Amino acid sequence: MEIIRKNKTKMKLWKINDYNPEISLLGGHNFFWKRINENEYISFHNEGGIYLYKSKGFWRAELLYGFLDIENYFQLDIDYDAILSTLSKDIVFKKPVSELRGLKLTSQPFFDVLISFIISSNNNINRIRKSVLDITKNYGAKQKNKIIDINNFPAPEKISNITAEELKEKTGVGYRAGYLTNSAKLFIKDKDDIINYKEDILVEKLKEFPGVGDKVADCVAIYSGRAQTFSPMDRWATKILYDVYDVDFKKYKDARKWWKMKFGKNASYAGQFLFEYYRRR
């Protein structure tokens, strides 16, 4: 992937080739973006907001507030073409890779992705996105900029001080409200340690958080950019294993192990391509 950096009125811009924000930012792995129109998107993370817009045929990313590392966020150091080339050798991926080219993962701020995937438990994408927006509107701080006024997602300290009853009433997170406030408290306590863990060690540590089981732990590890050698084994993944690869596992850990062994370092991308491809059908 070609990366061109420019300075424009002291604002660093990143020029991103071969990108599809509709499936990358509004699909099932990131709930912190708003679509302004087909050529403009804006994010509202606690640590920073990104303005993504199309100009002269390229997608450009600009930091609006905060201190997010945009190169890391969009995983611009990953050899995307090599991943697609490897996956395409499996006939199962020929259509998904062809139709969804431009689907890329993001490395989201750890706390944001933790909270959003606790909300995701027994939930659907539209309701998850609405709950995240409700939390942002009710508890985030106003971030004024030249594009659009927007609140950022609240910091862990803010969420930890909200009662579960109030959070449930104002945001539609339901029974997950207590999980969110207690997880925020635990994150504040263990932040310096947990953000440094990676892959399977991180997954085991995440399961100590209220509301975090096997699937949510895998999601948080992958979508915070701290793992890539496995994929969440949700109902879509297990259906794909059975329908496409003719394998059936009763236990989560067995399905996860099979996926990890088959796809190795490309496991997270393999999972995301098949998830989005079959979900859209």
C-alpha atoms as a PDB file:
ATOM      1  CA  MET A   1       0.000   0.000   0.000  1.00  0.00           C
ATOM      2  CA  GLU A   2       1.330   3.400  -0.967  1.00  0.00           C
ATOM      3  CA  ILE A   3       1.348   5.973   1.817  1.00  0.00           C
ATOM      4  CA  ILE A   4       1.823   9.634   0.974  1.00  0.00           C
ATOM      5  CA  ARG A   5       2.118  12.158   3.791  1.00  0.00           C
ATOM      6  CA  LYS A   6       1.491  15.811   3.240  1.00  0.00           C
ATOM      7  CA  ASN A   7       1.446  18.889   5.421  1.00  0.00           C
ATOM      8  CA  LYS A   8      -1.448  21.225   4.862  1.00  0.00           C
ATOM      9  CA  THR A   9      -1.943  24.151   7.209  1.00  0.00           C
ATOM     10  CA  LYS A  10       0.059  22.247   9.829  1.00  0.00           C
ATOM     11  CA  MET A  11      -2.329  19.277   9.565  1.00  0.00           C
ATOM     12  CA  LYS A  12      -0.861  15.909   8.659  1.00  0.00           C
ATOM     13  CA  LEU A  13      -2.868  14.000   6.055  1.00  0.00           C
ATOM     14  CA  TRP A  14      -2.649  10.330   5.109  1.00  0.00           C
ATOM     15  CA  LYS A  15      -3.498   9.284   1.555  1.00  0.00           C
ATOM     16  CA  ILE A  16      -4.969   5.776   1.574  1.00  0.00           C
ATOM     17  CA  ASN A  17      -5.340   3.612  -1.535  1.00  0.00           C
ATOM     18  CA  ASP A  18      -7.688   0.703  -2.140  1.00  0.00           C
ATOM     19  CA  TYR A  19     -10.097   1.326   0.733  1.00  0.00           C
ATOM     20  CA  ASN A  20     -13.815   0.686   1.249  1.00  0.00           C
ATOM     21  CA  PRO A  21     -15.037   2.580   4.331  1.00  0.00           C
ATOM     22  CA  GLU A  22     -18.617   1.351   4.036  1.00  0.00           C
ATOM     23  CA  ILE A  23     -17.650  -2.242   4.825  1.00  0.00           C
ATOM     24  CA  SER A  24     -14.547  -1.422   6.885  1.00  0.00           C
ATOM     25  CA  LEU A  25     -16.043   1.156   9.245  1.00  0.00           C
ATOM     26  CA  LEU A  26     -19.778   0.437   9.271  1.00  0.00           C
ATOM     27  CA  GLY A  27     -19.641  -3.356   9.370  1.00  0.00           C
ATOM     28  CA  GLY A  28     -19.345  -5.692  12.317  1.00  0.00           C
ATOM     29  CA  HIS A  29     -16.020  -4.760  13.874  1.00  0.00           C
ATOM     30  CA  ASN A  30     -16.109  -0.987  14.436  1.00  0.00           C
ATOM     31  CA  PHE A  31     -18.973   1.017  15.949  1.00  0.00           C
ATOM     32  CA  PHE A  32     -17.361   4.455  16.267  1.00  0.00           C
ATOM     33  CA  TRP A  33     -17.957   6.013  12.850  1.00  0.00           C
ATOM     34  CA  LYS A  34     -20.684   8.161  11.332  1.00  0.00           C
ATOM     35  CA  ARG A  35     -21.314   8.392   7.597  1.00  0.00           C
ATOM     36  CA  ILE A  36     -21.793  12.006   6.544  1.00  0.00           C
ATOM     37  CA  ASN A  37     -22.248  11.111   2.872  1.00  0.00           C
ATOM     38  CA  GLU A  38     -20.714   8.646   0.407  1.00  0.00           C
ATOM     39  CA  ASN A  39     -17.448  10.602   0.370  1.00  0.00           C
ATOM     40  CA  GLU A  40     -17.143  11.648   4.022  1.00  0.00           C
ATOM     41  CA  TYR A  41     -16.974   9.746   7.318  1.00  0.00           C
ATOM     42  CA  ILE A  42     -16.095  10.853  10.837  1.00  0.00           C
ATOM     43  CA  SER A  43     -15.106   8.909  13.965  1.00  0.00           C
ATOM     44  CA  PHE A  44     -15.705   9.852  17.595  1.00  0.00           C
ATOM     45  CA  HIS A  45     -13.276   7.853  19.739  1.00  0.00           C
ATOM     46  CA  ASN A  46     -12.355   9.140  23.162  1.00  0.00           C
ATOM     47  CA  GLU A  47      -8.689   9.464  22.212  1.00  0.00           C
ATOM     48  CA  GLY A  48      -9.267  11.232  18.925  1.00  0.00           C
ATOM     49  CA  GLY A  49     -11.539  11.903  15.985  1.00  0.00           C
ATOM     50  CA  ILE A  50     -10.689  11.123  12.370  1.00  0.00           C
ATOM     51  CA  TYR A  51     -12.141  12.781   9.295  1.00  0.00           C
ATOM     52  CA  LEU A  52     -12.035  10.433   6.310  1.00  0.00           C
ATOM     53  CA  TYR A  53     -12.881  11.933   2.936  1.00  0.00           C
ATOM     54  CA  LYS A  54     -12.432  11.171  -0.731  1.00  0.00           C
ATOM     55  CA  SER A  55     -10.438  13.600  -2.846  1.00  0.00           C
ATOM     56  CA  LYS A  56      -9.132  13.120  -6.389  1.00  0.00           C
ATOM     57  CA  GLY A  57      -9.875   9.411  -6.279  1.00  0.00           C
ATOM     58  CA  PHE A  58      -8.084   8.712  -2.991  1.00  0.00           C
ATOM     59  CA  TRP A  59      -9.256   8.386   0.582  1.00  0.00           C
ATOM     60  CA  ARG A  60      -7.548  10.846   2.917  1.00  0.00           C
ATOM     61  CA  ALA A  61      -7.539  10.682   6.705  1.00  0.00           C
ATOM     62  CA  GLU A  62      -7.129  13.752   8.899  1.00  0.00           C
ATOM     63  CA  LEU A  63      -6.933  13.919  12.695  1.00  0.00           C
ATOM     64  CA  LEU A  64      -9.563  16.368  13.971  1.00  0.00           C
ATOM     65  CA  TYR A  65      -8.865  16.223  17.714  1.00  0.00           C
ATOM     66  CA  GLY A  66      -6.951  14.128  20.210  1.00  0.00           C
ATOM     67  CA  PHE A  67      -3.832  12.058  19.667  1.00  0.00           C
ATOM     68  CA  LEU A  68      -4.743   8.894  17.738  1.00  0.00           C
ATOM     69  CA  ASP A  69      -1.962   7.416  15.621  1.00  0.00           C
ATOM     70  CA  ILE A  70      -3.688   7.254  12.228  1.00  0.00           C
ATOM     71  CA  GLU A  71      -1.072   4.987  10.655  1.00  0.00           C
ATOM     72  CA  ASN A  72      -1.571   2.469  13.435  1.00  0.00           C
ATOM     73  CA  TYR A  73      -5.357   2.935  13.467  1.00  0.00           C
ATOM     74  CA  PHE A  74      -5.705   1.994   9.786  1.00  0.00           C
ATOM     75  CA  GLN A  75      -2.924  -0.619  10.055  1.00  0.00           C
ATOM     76  CA  LEU A  76      -1.021   0.973   7.192  1.00  0.00           C
ATOM     77  CA  ASP A  77       2.079  -1.088   7.945  1.00  0.00           C
ATOM     78  CA  ILE A  78       0.337  -4.379   7.086  1.00  0.00           C
ATOM     79  CA  ASP A  79       1.056  -5.920   3.677  1.00  0.00           C
ATOM     80  CA  TYR A  80      -2.569  -6.063   2.613  1.00  0.00           C
ATOM     81  CA  ASP A  81      -1.850  -7.363  -0.892  1.00  0.00           C
ATOM     82  CA  ALA A  82       0.122 -10.284   0.542  1.00  0.00           C
ATOM     83  CA  ILE A  83      -2.797 -11.208   2.822  1.00  0.00           C
ATOM     84  CA  LEU A  84      -5.266 -11.156  -0.079  1.00  0.00           C
ATOM     85  CA  SER A  85      -2.886 -13.130  -2.290  1.00  0.00           C
ATOM     86  CA  THR A  86      -2.554 -15.849   0.351  1.00  0.00           C
ATOM     87  CA  LEU A  87      -6.290 -16.037   1.082  1.00  0.00           C
ATOM     88  CA  SER A  88      -7.179 -16.139  -2.619  1.00  0.00           C
ATOM     89  CA  LYS A  89      -5.305 -19.425  -3.000  1.00  0.00           C
ATOM     90  CA  ASP A  90      -8.228 -20.994  -1.131  1.00  0.00           C
ATOM     91  CA  ILE A  91     -11.160 -21.242  -3.558  1.00  0.00           C
ATOM     92  CA  VAL A  92     -13.529 -20.344  -0.716  1.00  0.00           C
ATOM     93  CA  PHE A  93     -12.087 -16.805  -0.658  1.00  0.00           C
ATOM     94  CA  LYS A  94     -12.145 -15.975  -4.364  1.00  0.00           C
ATOM     95  CA  LYS A  95     -15.575 -14.325  -4.316  1.00  0.00           C
ATOM     96  CA  PRO A  96     -15.269 -12.711  -0.858  1.00  0.00           C
ATOM     97  CA  VAL A  97     -11.884 -11.156  -1.721  1.00  0.00           C
ATOM     98  CA  SER A  98     -13.111 -10.027  -5.139  1.00  0.00           C
ATOM     99  CA  GLU A  99     -16.382  -8.513  -3.908  1.00  0.00           C
ATOM    100  CA  LEU A 100     -15.074  -7.044  -0.649  1.00  0.00           C
ATOM    101  CA  ARG A 101     -11.689  -5.783  -1.743  1.00  0.00           C
ATOM    102  CA  GLY A 102     -10.991  -2.722   0.325  1.00  0.00           C
ATOM    103  CA  LEU A 103     -12.221  -4.334   3.548  1.00  0.00           C
ATOM    104  CA  LYS A 104      -9.576  -3.616   6.181  1.00  0.00           C
ATOM    105  CA  LEU A 105      -9.394  -3.918   9.952  1.00  0.00           C
ATOM    106  CA  THR A 106      -8.738  -1.037  12.320  1.00  0.00           C
ATOM    107  CA  SER A 107      -6.725  -0.889  15.536  1.00  0.00           C
ATOM    108  CA  GLN A 108      -9.172   0.899  17.802  1.00  0.00           C
ATOM    109  CA  PRO A 109      -8.470   2.423  21.232  1.00  0.00           C
ATOM    110  CA  PHE A 110      -8.526  -0.409  23.743  1.00  0.00           C
ATOM    111  CA  PHE A 111     -11.177   0.882  26.140  1.00  0.00           C
ATOM    112  CA  ASP A 112     -13.569   1.887  23.355  1.00  0.00           C
ATOM    113  CA  VAL A 113     -13.438  -1.511  21.703  1.00  0.00           C
ATOM    114  CA  LEU A 114     -13.789  -3.273  25.082  1.00  0.00           C
ATOM    115  CA  ILE A 115     -16.999  -1.409  25.906  1.00  0.00           C
ATOM    116  CA  SER A 116     -18.485  -1.781  22.424  1.00  0.00           C
ATOM    117  CA  PHE A 117     -17.986  -5.534  22.353  1.00  0.00           C
ATOM    118  CA  ILE A 118     -19.411  -6.032  25.819  1.00  0.00           C
ATOM    119  CA  ILE A 119     -22.474  -4.316  24.359  1.00  0.00           C
ATOM    120  CA  SER A 120     -22.310  -6.663  21.351  1.00  0.00           C
ATOM    121  CA  SER A 121     -23.102  -9.753  23.410  1.00  0.00           C
ATOM    122  CA  ASN A 122     -26.464 -11.222  22.252  1.00  0.00           C
ATOM    123  CA  ASN A 123     -27.017  -8.116  20.160  1.00  0.00           C
ATOM    124  CA  ASN A 124     -27.099  -7.013  16.522  1.00  0.00           C
ATOM    125  CA  ILE A 125     -25.035  -4.442  14.670  1.00  0.00           C
ATOM    126  CA  ASN A 126     -27.706  -1.728  14.476  1.00  0.00           C
ATOM    127  CA  ARG A 127     -28.505  -1.906  18.189  1.00  0.00           C
ATOM    128  CA  ILE A 128     -24.817  -1.990  19.135  1.00  0.00           C
ATOM    129  CA  ARG A 129     -24.153   1.095  17.045  1.00  0.00           C
ATOM    130  CA  LYS A 130     -27.159   2.892  18.518  1.00  0.00           C
ATOM    131  CA  SER A 131     -26.088   2.094  22.092  1.00  0.00           C
ATOM    132  CA  VAL A 132     -22.558   3.352  21.441  1.00  0.00           C
ATOM    133  CA  LEU A 133     -23.991   6.576  19.997  1.00  0.00           C
ATOM    134  CA  ASP A 134     -26.371   6.952  22.961  1.00  0.00           C
ATOM    135  CA  ILE A 135     -23.460   6.670  25.394  1.00  0.00           C
ATOM    136  CA  THR A 136     -21.507   9.197  23.338  1.00  0.00           C
ATOM    137  CA  LYS A 137     -24.363  11.713  23.149  1.00  0.00           C
ATOM    138  CA  ASN A 138     -25.215  11.475  26.841  1.00  0.00           C
ATOM    139  CA  TYR A 139     -21.743  11.318  28.380  1.00  0.00           C
ATOM    140  CA  GLY A 140     -19.138  12.392  25.825  1.00  0.00           C
ATOM    141  CA  ALA A 141     -17.564  15.829  25.594  1.00  0.00           C
ATOM    142  CA  LYS A 142     -18.416  18.161  22.720  1.00  0.00           C
ATOM    143  CA  GLN A 143     -15.633  18.293  20.130  1.00  0.00           C
ATOM    144  CA  LYS A 144     -16.020  21.281  17.842  1.00  0.00           C
ATOM    145  CA  ASN A 145     -14.185  21.195  14.545  1.00  0.00           C
ATOM    146  CA  LYS A 146     -14.460  22.497  10.993  1.00  0.00           C
ATOM    147  CA  ILE A 147     -16.413  19.478   9.757  1.00  0.00           C
ATOM    148  CA  ILE A 148     -19.248  18.689  12.166  1.00  0.00           C
ATOM    149  CA  ASP A 149     -19.907  19.149  15.874  1.00  0.00           C
ATOM    150  CA  ILE A 150     -19.705  15.776  17.587  1.00  0.00           C
ATOM    151  CA  ASN A 151     -19.220  14.318  21.048  1.00  0.00           C
ATOM    152  CA  ASN A 152     -16.338  11.966  21.684  1.00  0.00           C
ATOM    153  CA  PHE A 153     -16.828   8.623  23.402  1.00  0.00           C
ATOM    154  CA  PRO A 154     -16.508   9.099  27.195  1.00  0.00           C
ATOM    155  CA  ALA A 155     -13.364   8.191  29.096  1.00  0.00           C
ATOM    156  CA  PRO A 156     -13.342   5.164  31.430  1.00  0.00           C
ATOM    157  CA  GLU A 157     -13.426   7.467  34.465  1.00  0.00           C
ATOM    158  CA  LYS A 158     -16.712   8.934  33.233  1.00  0.00           C
ATOM    159  CA  ILE A 159     -18.389   5.573  32.634  1.00  0.00           C
ATOM    160  CA  SER A 160     -17.126   4.168  35.940  1.00  0.00           C
ATOM    161  CA  ASN A 161     -18.988   6.920  37.823  1.00  0.00           C
ATOM    162  CA  ILE A 162     -22.368   6.313  36.158  1.00  0.00           C
ATOM    163  CA  THR A 163     -24.802   4.068  37.982  1.00  0.00           C
ATOM    164  CA  ALA A 164     -25.898   0.963  36.113  1.00  0.00           C
ATOM    165  CA  GLU A 165     -29.523   2.067  36.495  1.00  0.00           C
ATOM    166  CA  GLU A 166     -28.885   5.427  34.827  1.00  0.00           C
ATOM    167  CA  LEU A 167     -26.814   3.895  32.033  1.00  0.00           C
ATOM    168  CA  LYS A 168     -29.524   1.345  31.330  1.00  0.00           C
ATOM    169  CA  GLU A 169     -32.214   4.018  31.257  1.00  0.00           C
ATOM    170  CA  LYS A 170     -30.398   6.430  28.935  1.00  0.00           C
ATOM    171  CA  THR A 171     -28.593   4.174  26.488  1.00  0.00           C
ATOM    172  CA  GLY A 172     -30.520   0.982  25.827  1.00  0.00           C
ATOM    173  CA  VAL A 173     -27.642  -1.303  26.810  1.00  0.00           C
ATOM    174  CA  GLY A 174     -30.021  -3.336  28.950  1.00  0.00           C
ATOM    175  CA  TYR A 175     -28.607  -5.928  31.332  1.00  0.00           C
ATOM    176  CA  ARG A 176     -25.089  -5.079  30.134  1.00  0.00           C
ATOM    177  CA  ALA A 177     -25.094  -1.740  32.028  1.00  0.00           C
ATOM    178  CA  GLY A 178     -23.525  -3.212  35.168  1.00  0.00           C
ATOM    179  CA  TYR A 179     -20.912  -5.001  33.085  1.00  0.00           C
ATOM    180  CA  LEU A 180     -19.921  -1.691  31.479  1.00  0.00           C
ATOM    181  CA  THR A 181     -19.550   0.339  34.671  1.00  0.00           C
ATOM    182  CA  ASN A 182     -17.685  -2.437  36.500  1.00  0.00           C
ATOM    183  CA  SER A 183     -15.439  -3.131  33.516  1.00  0.00           C
ATOM    184  CA  ALA A 184     -14.578   0.568  33.368  1.00  0.00           C
ATOM    185  CA  LYS A 185     -13.510   0.434  37.028  1.00  0.00           C
ATOM    186  CA  LEU A 186     -11.405  -2.676  36.447  1.00  0.00           C
ATOM    187  CA  PHE A 187      -9.820  -1.139  33.356  1.00  0.00           C
ATOM    188  CA  ILE A 188      -8.787   1.964  35.311  1.00  0.00           C
ATOM    189  CA  LYS A 189      -7.236  -0.273  37.969  1.00  0.00           C
ATOM    190  CA  ASP A 190      -5.364  -2.590  35.555  1.00  0.00           C
ATOM    191  CA  LYS A 191      -4.808  -0.305  32.550  1.00  0.00           C
ATOM    192  CA  ASP A 192      -1.011  -0.135  32.738  1.00  0.00           C
ATOM    193  CA  ASP A 193      -0.754  -3.920  32.646  1.00  0.00           C
ATOM    194  CA  ILE A 194      -3.511  -5.038  30.320  1.00  0.00           C
ATOM    195  CA  ILE A 195      -2.763  -2.713  27.401  1.00  0.00           C
ATOM    196  CA  ASN A 196       0.674  -4.332  27.078  1.00  0.00           C
ATOM    197  CA  TYR A 197      -0.568  -7.916  26.709  1.00  0.00           C
ATOM    198  CA  LYS A 198      -1.015  -9.471  23.255  1.00  0.00           C
ATOM    199  CA  GLU A 199      -2.594 -12.471  21.539  1.00  0.00           C
ATOM    200  CA  ASP A 200      -3.671 -15.382  23.785  1.00  0.00           C
ATOM    201  CA  ILE A 201      -2.293 -13.910  27.031  1.00  0.00           C
ATOM    202  CA  LEU A 202      -4.442 -10.821  26.513  1.00  0.00           C
ATOM    203  CA  VAL A 203      -7.491 -12.960  25.765  1.00  0.00           C
ATOM    204  CA  GLU A 204      -7.185 -14.775  29.089  1.00  0.00           C
ATOM    205  CA  LYS A 205      -6.772 -11.486  30.972  1.00  0.00           C
ATOM    206  CA  LEU A 206      -9.830 -10.021  29.223  1.00  0.00           C
ATOM    207  CA  LYS A 207     -12.023 -12.841  30.492  1.00  0.00           C
ATOM    208  CA  GLU A 208     -11.596 -11.407  33.993  1.00  0.00           C
ATOM    209  CA  PHE A 209     -13.725  -8.423  32.950  1.00  0.00           C
ATOM    210  CA  PRO A 210     -17.479  -8.536  33.683  1.00  0.00           C
ATOM    211  CA  GLY A 211     -19.451  -9.456  30.566  1.00  0.00           C
ATOM    212  CA  VAL A 212     -16.435 -10.763  28.652  1.00  0.00           C
ATOM    213  CA  GLY A 213     -16.488 -14.372  27.480  1.00  0.00           C
ATOM    214  CA  ASP A 214     -14.559 -16.227  24.792  1.00  0.00           C
ATOM    215  CA  LYS A 215     -15.964 -14.436  21.748  1.00  0.00           C
ATOM    216  CA  VAL A 216     -15.901 -10.917  23.205  1.00  0.00           C
ATOM    217  CA  ALA A 217     -12.324 -11.413  24.430  1.00  0.00           C
ATOM    218  CA  ASP A 218     -11.217 -12.498  20.951  1.00  0.00           C
ATOM    219  CA  CYS A 219     -12.988  -9.510  19.378  1.00  0.00           C
ATOM    220  CA  VAL A 220     -11.343  -7.016  21.721  1.00  0.00           C
ATOM    221  CA  ALA A 221      -7.872  -8.496  21.186  1.00  0.00           C
ATOM    222  CA  ILE A 222      -8.213  -8.462  17.386  1.00  0.00           C
ATOM    223  CA  TYR A 223      -9.972  -5.146  16.854  1.00  0.00           C
ATOM    224  CA  SER A 224      -7.680  -3.270  19.227  1.00  0.00           C
ATOM    225  CA  GLY A 225      -4.849  -4.433  16.951  1.00  0.00           C
ATOM    226  CA  ARG A 226      -3.234  -6.741  19.505  1.00  0.00           C
ATOM    227  CA  ALA A 227      -3.881 -10.075  17.789  1.00  0.00           C
ATOM    228  CA  GLN A 228      -4.221 -11.512  14.298  1.00  0.00           C
ATOM    229  CA  THR A 229      -3.678 -15.289  14.611  1.00  0.00           C
ATOM    230  CA  PHE A 230      -7.287 -16.199  15.481  1.00  0.00           C
ATOM    231  CA  SER A 231     -10.839 -15.074  14.731  1.00  0.00           C
ATOM    232  CA  PRO A 232     -13.998 -14.762  16.857  1.00  0.00           C
ATOM    233  CA  MET A 233     -16.078 -17.922  16.632  1.00  0.00           C
ATOM    234  CA  ASP A 234     -19.552 -16.391  16.590  1.00  0.00           C
ATOM    235  CA  ARG A 235     -22.632 -17.970  15.026  1.00  0.00           C
ATOM    236  CA  TRP A 236     -21.507 -16.849  11.570  1.00  0.00           C
ATOM    237  CA  ALA A 237     -18.078 -18.417  11.955  1.00  0.00           C
ATOM    238  CA  THR A 238     -19.418 -21.730  13.205  1.00  0.00           C
ATOM    239  CA  LYS A 239     -21.957 -21.800  10.376  1.00  0.00           C
ATOM    240  CA  ILE A 240     -19.161 -21.149   7.872  1.00  0.00           C
ATOM    241  CA  LEU A 241     -17.081 -23.955   9.363  1.00  0.00           C
ATOM    242  CA  TYR A 242     -19.971 -26.368   8.935  1.00  0.00           C
ATOM    243  CA  ASP A 243     -21.342 -25.191   5.558  1.00  0.00           C
ATOM    244  CA  VAL A 244     -18.070 -24.371   3.804  1.00  0.00           C
ATOM    245  CA  TYR A 245     -15.390 -26.562   5.384  1.00  0.00           C
ATOM    246  CA  ASP A 246     -17.627 -29.415   6.555  1.00  0.00           C
ATOM    247  CA  VAL A 247     -16.304 -29.389  10.107  1.00  0.00           C
ATOM    248  CA  ASP A 248     -18.407 -29.144  13.241  1.00  0.00           C
ATOM    249  CA  PHE A 249     -17.197 -28.337  16.746  1.00  0.00           C
ATOM    250  CA  LYS A 250     -19.243 -28.339  19.924  1.00  0.00           C
ATOM    251  CA  LYS A 251     -16.735 -26.314  21.906  1.00  0.00           C
ATOM    252  CA  TYR A 252     -15.624 -22.764  21.179  1.00  0.00           C
ATOM    253  CA  LYS A 253     -11.970 -23.511  21.900  1.00  0.00           C
ATOM    254  CA  ASP A 254     -11.903 -26.357  19.374  1.00  0.00           C
ATOM    255  CA  ALA A 255     -13.377 -24.251  16.561  1.00  0.00           C
ATOM    256  CA  ARG A 256     -10.966 -21.432  17.398  1.00  0.00           C
ATOM    257  CA  LYS A 257      -7.991 -23.809  17.368  1.00  0.00           C
ATOM    258  CA  TRP A 258      -8.984 -25.190  13.939  1.00  0.00           C
ATOM    259  CA  TRP A 259      -9.259 -21.682  12.480  1.00  0.00           C
ATOM    260  CA  LYS A 260      -5.954 -20.618  13.998  1.00  0.00           C
ATOM    261  CA  MET A 261      -4.119 -23.638  12.600  1.00  0.00           C
ATOM    262  CA  LYS A 262      -5.610 -23.266   9.115  1.00  0.00           C
ATOM    263  CA  PHE A 263      -5.069 -19.540   8.595  1.00  0.00           C
ATOM    264  CA  GLY A 264      -2.162 -18.688  10.915  1.00  0.00           C
ATOM    265  CA  LYS A 265      -1.115 -15.046  10.812  1.00  0.00           C
ATOM    266  CA  ASN A 266      -3.963 -14.249   8.396  1.00  0.00           C
ATOM    267  CA  ALA A 267      -6.673 -15.697  10.651  1.00  0.00           C
ATOM    268  CA  SER A 268      -8.262 -12.388  11.671  1.00  0.00           C
ATOM    269  CA  TYR A 269      -8.569 -11.205   8.065  1.00  0.00           C
ATOM    270  CA  ALA A 270      -9.851 -14.604   6.938  1.00  0.00           C
ATOM    271  CA  GLY A 271     -12.570 -14.392   9.567  1.00  0.00           C
ATOM    272  CA  GLN A 272     -13.566 -10.840   8.684  1.00  0.00           C
ATOM    273  CA  PHE A 273     -13.832 -11.481   4.941  1.00  0.00           C
ATOM    274  CA  LEU A 274     -16.015 -14.548   5.400  1.00  0.00           C
ATOM    275  CA  PHE A 275     -18.086 -12.901   8.152  1.00  0.00           C
ATOM    276  CA  GLU A 276     -18.941  -9.880   6.003  1.00  0.00           C
ATOM    277  CA  TYR A 277     -19.433 -11.929   2.822  1.00  0.00           C
ATOM    278  CA  TYR A 278     -21.893 -14.404   4.307  1.00  0.00           C
ATOM    279  CA  ARG A 279     -23.590 -11.888   6.615  1.00  0.00           C
ATOM    280  CA  ARG A 280     -24.499  -9.771   3.582  1.00  0.00           C
ATOM    281  CA  ARG A 281     -26.233 -12.772   2.059  1.00  0.00           C
END
